């Protein structure tokens, strides 16, 4: 699998290489299709609330944050 979260192997000696590959592919497909959806990015803050917070803290709106982030949120 591309994300490498699962390591799947088939240890039965009775399956042919083609059967083993098909079984592994089916399990990997099942895991991809039933995985939880990716988390979406948190919504950005309201621009008015951001301006009020920056003003209250004594920061300019275009200045970097105290941690050096160009756009803090």
PDB file of N, CA and C in Angstrom:
ATOM      1  N   UNK A   1       0.845  -1.177   0.000  1.00  0.00           N
ATOM      2  CA  UNK A   1       0.000   0.000   0.000  1.00  0.00           C
ATOM      3  C   UNK A   1       0.888   1.237   0.000  1.00  0.00           C
ATOM      4  N   UNK A   2       0.461   2.299  -0.634  1.00  0.00           N
ATOM      5  CA  UNK A   2       1.315   3.459  -0.763  1.00  0.00           C
ATOM      6  C   UNK A   2       1.645   4.148   0.557  1.00  0.00           C
ATOM      7  N   UNK A   3       0.732   4.164   1.514  1.00  0.00           N
ATOM      8  CA  UNK A   3       1.012   4.855   2.764  1.00  0.00           C
ATOM      9  C   UNK A   3       1.782   3.993   3.755  1.00  0.00           C
ATOM     10  N   UNK A   4       1.905   2.697   3.504  1.00  0.00           N
ATOM     11  CA  UNK A   4       2.719   1.815   4.319  1.00  0.00           C
ATOM     12  C   UNK A   4       2.187   1.553   5.718  1.00  0.00           C
ATOM     13  N   UNK A   5       0.917   1.778   5.972  1.00  0.00           N
ATOM     14  CA  UNK A   5       0.383   1.565   7.307  1.00  0.00           C
ATOM     15  C   UNK A   5       0.209   0.090   7.634  1.00  0.00           C
ATOM     16  N   UNK A   6      -0.031  -0.735   6.632  1.00  0.00           N
ATOM     17  CA  UNK A   6      -0.296  -2.146   6.871  1.00  0.00           C
ATOM     18  C   UNK A   6       0.743  -2.989   6.149  1.00  0.00           C
ATOM     19  N   UNK A   7       1.136  -4.064   6.785  1.00  0.00           N
ATOM     20  CA  UNK A   7       2.021  -5.034   6.153  1.00  0.00           C
ATOM     21  C   UNK A   7       1.250  -6.340   6.088  1.00  0.00           C
ATOM     22  N   UNK A   8       0.919  -6.777   4.881  1.00  0.00           N
ATOM     23  CA  UNK A   8       0.107  -7.973   4.689  1.00  0.00           C
ATOM     24  C   UNK A   8       0.959  -9.027   4.002  1.00  0.00           C
ATOM     25  N   UNK A   9       0.873 -10.250   4.486  1.00  0.00           N
ATOM     26  CA  UNK A   9       1.562 -11.352   3.812  1.00  0.00           C
ATOM     27  C   UNK A   9       0.687 -12.603   3.913  1.00  0.00           C
ATOM     28  N   UNK A  10       0.813 -13.452   2.908  1.00  0.00           N
ATOM     29  CA  UNK A  10       0.068 -14.702   2.865  1.00  0.00           C
ATOM     30  C   UNK A  10       1.064 -15.824   3.122  1.00  0.00           C
ATOM     31  N   UNK A  11       0.805 -16.658   4.111  1.00  0.00           N
ATOM     32  CA  UNK A  11       1.779 -17.673   4.502  1.00  0.00           C
ATOM     33  C   UNK A  11       1.357 -19.089   4.152  1.00  0.00           C
ATOM     34  N   UNK A  12       0.275 -19.254   3.425  1.00  0.00           N
ATOM     35  CA  UNK A  12      -0.182 -20.585   3.055  1.00  0.00           C
ATOM     36  C   UNK A  12       0.658 -21.122   1.899  1.00  0.00           C
ATOM     37  N   UNK A  13       1.089 -22.366   2.005  1.00  0.00           N
ATOM     38  CA  UNK A  13       1.888 -22.980   0.943  1.00  0.00           C
ATOM     39  C   UNK A  13       1.010 -23.544  -0.166  1.00  0.00           C
ATOM     40  N   UNK A  14      -0.298 -23.641   0.042  1.00  0.00           N
ATOM     41  CA  UNK A  14      -1.167 -24.260  -0.953  1.00  0.00           C
ATOM     42  C   UNK A  14      -1.613 -23.284  -2.040  1.00  0.00           C
ATOM     43  N   UNK A  15      -1.385 -22.004  -1.886  1.00  0.00           N
ATOM     44  CA  UNK A  15      -1.805 -21.028  -2.896  1.00  0.00           C
ATOM     45  C   UNK A  15      -0.695 -20.831  -3.920  1.00  0.00           C
ATOM     46  N   UNK A  16      -1.101 -20.702  -5.186  1.00  0.00           N
ATOM     47  CA  UNK A  16      -0.117 -20.396  -6.226  1.00  0.00           C
ATOM     48  C   UNK A  16       0.299 -18.934  -6.073  1.00  0.00           C
ATOM     49  N   UNK A  17       1.405 -18.527  -6.669  1.00  0.00           N
ATOM     50  CA  UNK A  17       1.807 -17.117  -6.585  1.00  0.00           C
ATOM     51  C   UNK A  17       0.726 -16.165  -7.103  1.00  0.00           C
ATOM     52  N   UNK A  18       0.023 -16.569  -8.161  1.00  0.00           N
ATOM     53  CA  UNK A  18      -1.044 -15.719  -8.702  1.00  0.00           C
ATOM     54  C   UNK A  18      -2.202 -15.601  -7.714  1.00  0.00           C
ATOM     55  N   UNK A  19      -2.575 -16.736  -7.083  1.00  0.00           N
ATOM     56  CA  UNK A  19      -3.656 -16.715  -6.097  1.00  0.00           C
ATOM     57  C   UNK A  19      -3.271 -15.880  -4.875  1.00  0.00           C
ATOM     58  N   UNK A  20      -2.040 -16.029  -4.452  1.00  0.00           N
ATOM     59  CA  UNK A  20      -1.572 -15.251  -3.304  1.00  0.00           C
ATOM     60  C   UNK A  20      -1.595 -13.761  -3.623  1.00  0.00           C
ATOM     61  N   UNK A  21      -1.127 -13.386  -4.810  1.00  0.00           N
ATOM     62  CA  UNK A  21      -1.131 -11.976  -5.207  1.00  0.00           C
ATOM     63  C   UNK A  21      -2.556 -11.437  -5.285  1.00  0.00           C
ATOM     64  N   UNK A  22      -3.478 -12.235  -5.804  1.00  0.00           N
ATOM     65  CA  UNK A  22      -4.874 -11.806  -5.903  1.00  0.00           C
ATOM     66  C   UNK A  22      -5.490 -11.624  -4.519  1.00  0.00           C
ATOM     67  N   UNK A  23      -5.194 -12.536  -3.600  1.00  0.00           N
ATOM     68  CA  UNK A  23      -5.740 -12.425  -2.248  1.00  0.00           C
ATOM     69  C   UNK A  23      -5.196 -11.185  -1.544  1.00  0.00           C
ATOM     70  N   UNK A  24      -3.903 -10.947  -1.669  1.00  0.00           N
ATOM     71  CA  UNK A  24      -3.297  -9.769  -1.046  1.00  0.00           C
ATOM     72  C   UNK A  24      -3.864  -8.498  -1.658  1.00  0.00           C
ATOM     73  N   UNK A  25      -4.010  -8.464  -2.981  1.00  0.00           N
ATOM     74  CA  UNK A  25      -4.574  -7.289  -3.652  1.00  0.00           C
ATOM     75  C   UNK A  25      -6.004  -7.028  -3.183  1.00  0.00           C
ATOM     76  N   UNK A  26      -6.780  -8.085  -3.000  1.00  0.00           N
ATOM     77  CA  UNK A  26      -8.163  -7.919  -2.540  1.00  0.00           C
ATOM     78  C   UNK A  26      -8.211  -7.350  -1.126  1.00  0.00           C
ATOM     79  N   UNK A  27      -7.345  -7.833  -0.255  1.00  0.00           N
ATOM     80  CA  UNK A  27      -7.319  -7.317   1.118  1.00  0.00           C
ATOM     81  C   UNK A  27      -6.867  -5.860   1.127  1.00  0.00           C
ATOM     82  N   UNK A  28      -5.834  -5.527   0.337  1.00  0.00           N
ATOM     83  CA  UNK A  28      -5.362  -4.145   0.278  1.00  0.00           C
ATOM     84  C   UNK A  28      -6.452  -3.223  -0.267  1.00  0.00           C
ATOM     85  N   UNK A  29      -7.178  -3.682  -1.280  1.00  0.00           N
ATOM     86  CA  UNK A  29      -8.271  -2.875  -1.832  1.00  0.00           C
ATOM     87  C   UNK A  29      -9.350  -2.662  -0.773  1.00  0.00           C
ATOM     88  N   UNK A  30      -9.682  -3.723  -0.046  1.00  0.00           N
ATOM     89  CA  UNK A  30     -10.671  -3.598   1.021  1.00  0.00           C
ATOM     90  C   UNK A  30     -10.226  -2.569   2.057  1.00  0.00           C
ATOM     91  N   UNK A  31      -8.960  -2.619   2.456  1.00  0.00           N
ATOM     92  CA  UNK A  31      -8.463  -1.673   3.452  1.00  0.00           C
ATOM     93  C   UNK A  31      -8.522  -0.236   2.938  1.00  0.00           C
ATOM     94  N   UNK A  32      -8.183  -0.021   1.669  1.00  0.00           N
ATOM     95  CA  UNK A  32      -8.254   1.329   1.092  1.00  0.00           C
ATOM     96  C   UNK A  32      -9.688   1.830   1.047  1.00  0.00           C
ATOM     97  N   UNK A  33     -10.615   0.959   0.629  1.00  0.00           N
ATOM     98  CA  UNK A  33     -12.008   1.377   0.458  1.00  0.00           C
ATOM     99  C   UNK A  33     -12.736   1.586   1.778  1.00  0.00           C
ATOM    100  N   UNK A  34     -12.287   0.948   2.836  1.00  0.00           N
ATOM    101  CA  UNK A  34     -12.976   1.076   4.119  1.00  0.00           C
ATOM    102  C   UNK A  34     -12.211   1.944   5.109  1.00  0.00           C
ATOM    103  N   UNK A  35     -11.136   2.561   4.676  1.00  0.00           N
ATOM    104  CA  UNK A  35     -10.354   3.422   5.563  1.00  0.00           C
ATOM    105  C   UNK A  35     -11.145   4.678   5.904  1.00  0.00           C
ATOM    106  N   UNK A  36     -10.854   5.235   7.054  1.00  0.00           N
ATOM    107  CA  UNK A  36     -11.505   6.483   7.457  1.00  0.00           C
ATOM    108  C   UNK A  36     -11.076   7.598   6.510  1.00  0.00           C
ATOM    109  N   UNK A  37     -11.974   8.534   6.213  1.00  0.00           N
ATOM    110  CA  UNK A  37     -11.603   9.630   5.316  1.00  0.00           C
ATOM    111  C   UNK A  37     -10.516  10.497   5.940  1.00  0.00           C
ATOM    112  N   UNK A  38      -9.725  11.106   5.093  1.00  0.00           N
ATOM    113  CA  UNK A  38      -8.656  11.982   5.563  1.00  0.00           C
ATOM    114  C   UNK A  38      -9.255  13.181   6.288  1.00  0.00           C
ATOM    115  N   UNK A  39      -8.565  13.631   7.299  1.00  0.00           N
ATOM    116  CA  UNK A  39      -9.033  14.789   8.045  1.00  0.00           C
ATOM    117  C   UNK A  39      -8.860  16.040   7.197  1.00  0.00           C
ATOM    118  N   UNK A  40      -9.896  16.853   7.122  1.00  0.00           N
ATOM    119  CA  UNK A  40      -9.797  18.097   6.373  1.00  0.00           C
ATOM    120  C   UNK A  40      -9.129  19.156   7.242  1.00  0.00           C
ATOM    121  N   UNK A  41      -8.578  20.146   6.588  1.00  0.00           N
ATOM    122  CA  UNK A  41      -7.925  21.230   7.307  1.00  0.00           C
ATOM    123  C   UNK A  41      -8.962  22.002   8.121  1.00  0.00           C
ATOM    124  N   UNK A  42      -8.544  22.479   9.248  1.00  0.00           N
ATOM    125  CA  UNK A  42      -9.445  23.254  10.093  1.00  0.00           C
ATOM    126  C   UNK A  42      -9.822  24.550   9.374  1.00  0.00           C
ATOM    127  N   UNK A  43     -11.055  24.976   9.513  1.00  0.00           N
ATOM    128  CA  UNK A  43     -11.448  26.216   8.844  1.00  0.00           C
ATOM    129  C   UNK A  43     -10.645  27.387   9.389  1.00  0.00           C
ATOM    130  N   UNK A  44     -10.340  28.330   8.513  1.00  0.00           N
ATOM    131  CA  UNK A  44      -9.567  29.486   8.949  1.00  0.00           C
ATOM    132  C   UNK A  44     -10.427  30.370   9.849  1.00  0.00           C
ATOM    133  N   UNK A  45      -9.772  31.139  10.668  1.00  0.00           N
ATOM    134  CA  UNK A  45     -10.477  32.004  11.607  1.00  0.00           C
ATOM    135  C   UNK A  45     -11.189  33.127  10.864  1.00  0.00           C
ATOM    136  N   UNK A  46     -12.242  33.612  11.454  1.00  0.00           N
ATOM    137  CA  UNK A  46     -12.963  34.751  10.920  1.00  0.00           C
ATOM    138  C   UNK A  46     -11.993  35.930  10.831  1.00  0.00           C
ATOM    139  N   UNK A  47     -11.911  36.622   9.691  1.00  0.00           N
ATOM    140  CA  UNK A  47     -10.956  37.725   9.566  1.00  0.00           C
ATOM    141  C   UNK A  47     -11.181  38.838  10.598  1.00  0.00           C
ATOM    142  N   UNK A  48     -12.431  39.070  10.970  1.00  0.00           N
ATOM    143  CA  UNK A  48     -12.699  40.107  11.970  1.00  0.00           C
ATOM    144  C   UNK A  48     -12.199  39.658  13.342  1.00  0.00           C
ATOM    145  N   UNK A  49     -12.413  38.396  13.678  1.00  0.00           N
ATOM    146  CA  UNK A  49     -11.931  37.882  14.958  1.00  0.00           C
ATOM    147  C   UNK A  49     -10.407  37.896  14.996  1.00  0.00           C
ATOM    148  N   UNK A  50      -9.777  37.547  13.875  1.00  0.00           N
ATOM    149  CA  UNK A  50      -8.312  37.567  13.797  1.00  0.00           C
ATOM    150  C   UNK A  50      -7.790  38.981  14.009  1.00  0.00           C
ATOM    151  N   UNK A  51      -8.408  39.960  13.343  1.00  0.00           N
ATOM    152  CA  UNK A  51      -7.977  41.350  13.495  1.00  0.00           C
ATOM    153  C   UNK A  51      -8.134  41.810  14.941  1.00  0.00           C
ATOM    154  N   UNK A  52      -9.244  41.434  15.570  1.00  0.00           N
ATOM    155  CA  UNK A  52      -9.466  41.827  16.963  1.00  0.00           C
ATOM    156  C   UNK A  52      -8.435  41.195  17.888  1.00  0.00           C
ATOM    157  N   UNK A  53      -8.123  39.933  17.668  1.00  0.00           N
ATOM    158  CA  UNK A  53      -7.117  39.267  18.498  1.00  0.00           C
ATOM    159  C   UNK A  53      -5.745  39.901  18.312  1.00  0.00           C
ATOM    160  N   UNK A  54      -5.381  40.195  17.066  1.00  0.00           N
ATOM    161  CA  UNK A  54      -4.089  40.826  16.811  1.00  0.00           C
ATOM    162  C   UNK A  54      -4.026  42.218  17.435  1.00  0.00           C
ATOM    163  N   UNK A  55      -5.097  42.975  17.286  1.00  0.00           N
ATOM    164  CA  UNK A  55      -5.127  44.319  17.866  1.00  0.00           C
ATOM    165  C   UNK A  55      -5.043  44.249  19.390  1.00  0.00           C
ATOM    166  N   UNK A  56      -5.771  43.326  19.978  1.00  0.00           N
ATOM    167  CA  UNK A  56      -5.755  43.187  21.428  1.00  0.00           C
ATOM    168  C   UNK A  56      -4.402  42.763  21.961  1.00  0.00           C
ATOM    169  N   UNK A  57      -3.647  42.021  21.169  1.00  0.00           N
ATOM    170  CA  UNK A  57      -2.326  41.563  21.593  1.00  0.00           C
ATOM    171  C   UNK A  57      -1.223  42.528  21.183  1.00  0.00           C
ATOM    172  N   UNK A  58      -1.592  43.612  20.478  1.00  0.00           N
ATOM    173  CA  UNK A  58      -0.599  44.607  20.090  1.00  0.00           C
ATOM    174  C   UNK A  58       0.222  44.223  18.876  1.00  0.00           C
ATOM    175  N   UNK A  59      -0.299  43.377  18.009  1.00  0.00           N
ATOM    176  CA  UNK A  59       0.417  42.961  16.802  1.00  0.00           C
ATOM    177  C   UNK A  59      -0.193  43.621  15.580  1.00  0.00           C
ATOM    178  N   UNK A  60       0.647  43.901  14.600  1.00  0.00           N
ATOM    179  CA  UNK A  60       0.165  44.400  13.318  1.00  0.00           C
ATOM    180  C   UNK A  60      -0.414  43.228  12.529  1.00  0.00           C
ATOM    181  N   UNK A  61      -1.473  43.440  11.751  1.00  0.00           N
ATOM    182  CA  UNK A  61      -2.080  42.331  11.002  1.00  0.00           C
ATOM    183  C   UNK A  61      -1.143  41.661  10.001  1.00  0.00           C
ATOM    184  N   UNK A  62      -0.216  42.418   9.411  1.00  0.00           N
ATOM    185  CA  UNK A  62       0.680  41.840   8.406  1.00  0.00           C
ATOM    186  C   UNK A  62       2.003  41.367   8.987  1.00  0.00           C
ATOM    187  N   UNK A  63       2.225  41.570  10.275  1.00  0.00           N
ATOM    188  CA  UNK A  63       3.484  41.169  10.897  1.00  0.00           C
ATOM    189  C   UNK A  63       3.475  39.661  11.152  1.00  0.00           C
ATOM    190  N   UNK A  64       4.662  39.038  11.150  1.00  0.00           N
ATOM    191  CA  UNK A  64       4.698  37.602  11.471  1.00  0.00           C
ATOM    192  C   UNK A  64       4.335  37.372  12.934  1.00  0.00           C
ATOM    193  N   UNK A  65       3.941  36.154  13.216  1.00  0.00           N
ATOM    194  CA  UNK A  65       3.594  35.804  14.591  1.00  0.00           C
ATOM    195  C   UNK A  65       4.860  35.797  15.444  1.00  0.00           C
ATOM    196  N   UNK A  66       4.729  35.724  16.758  1.00  0.00           N
ATOM    197  CA  UNK A  66       5.915  35.656  17.608  1.00  0.00           C
ATOM    198  C   UNK A  66       6.798  34.447  17.306  1.00  0.00           C
ATOM    199  N   UNK A  67       6.249  33.428  16.643  1.00  0.00           N
ATOM    200  CA  UNK A  67       7.021  32.235  16.304  1.00  0.00           C
ATOM    201  C   UNK A  67       7.625  32.331  14.914  1.00  0.00           C
ATOM    202  N   UNK A  68       7.393  33.452  14.213  1.00  0.00           N
ATOM    203  CA  UNK A  68       7.981  33.657  12.902  1.00  0.00           C
ATOM    204  C   UNK A  68       7.138  33.174  11.745  1.00  0.00           C
ATOM    205  N   UNK A  69       5.927  32.715  12.001  1.00  0.00           N
ATOM    206  CA  UNK A  69       5.061  32.266  10.911  1.00  0.00           C
ATOM    207  C   UNK A  69       4.633  33.473  10.084  1.00  0.00           C
ATOM    208  N   UNK A  70       4.745  33.412   8.758  1.00  0.00           N
ATOM    209  CA  UNK A  70       4.323  34.552   7.944  1.00  0.00           C
ATOM    210  C   UNK A  70       2.824  34.816   8.045  1.00  0.00           C
ATOM    211  N   UNK A  71       2.010  33.766   8.057  1.00  0.00           N
ATOM    212  CA  UNK A  71       0.562  33.907   8.231  1.00  0.00           C
ATOM    213  C   UNK A  71       0.176  32.957   9.357  1.00  0.00           C
ATOM    214  N   UNK A  72      -0.035  33.452  10.571  1.00  0.00           N
ATOM    215  CA  UNK A  72      -0.236  32.550  11.696  1.00  0.00           C
ATOM    216  C   UNK A  72      -1.484  31.695  11.623  1.00  0.00           C
ATOM    217  N   UNK A  73      -2.607  32.193  11.035  1.00  0.00           N
ATOM    218  CA  UNK A  73      -3.793  31.370  10.908  1.00  0.00           C
ATOM    219  C   UNK A  73      -4.639  31.831   9.799  1.00  0.00           C
TER     220      UNK A  73
END
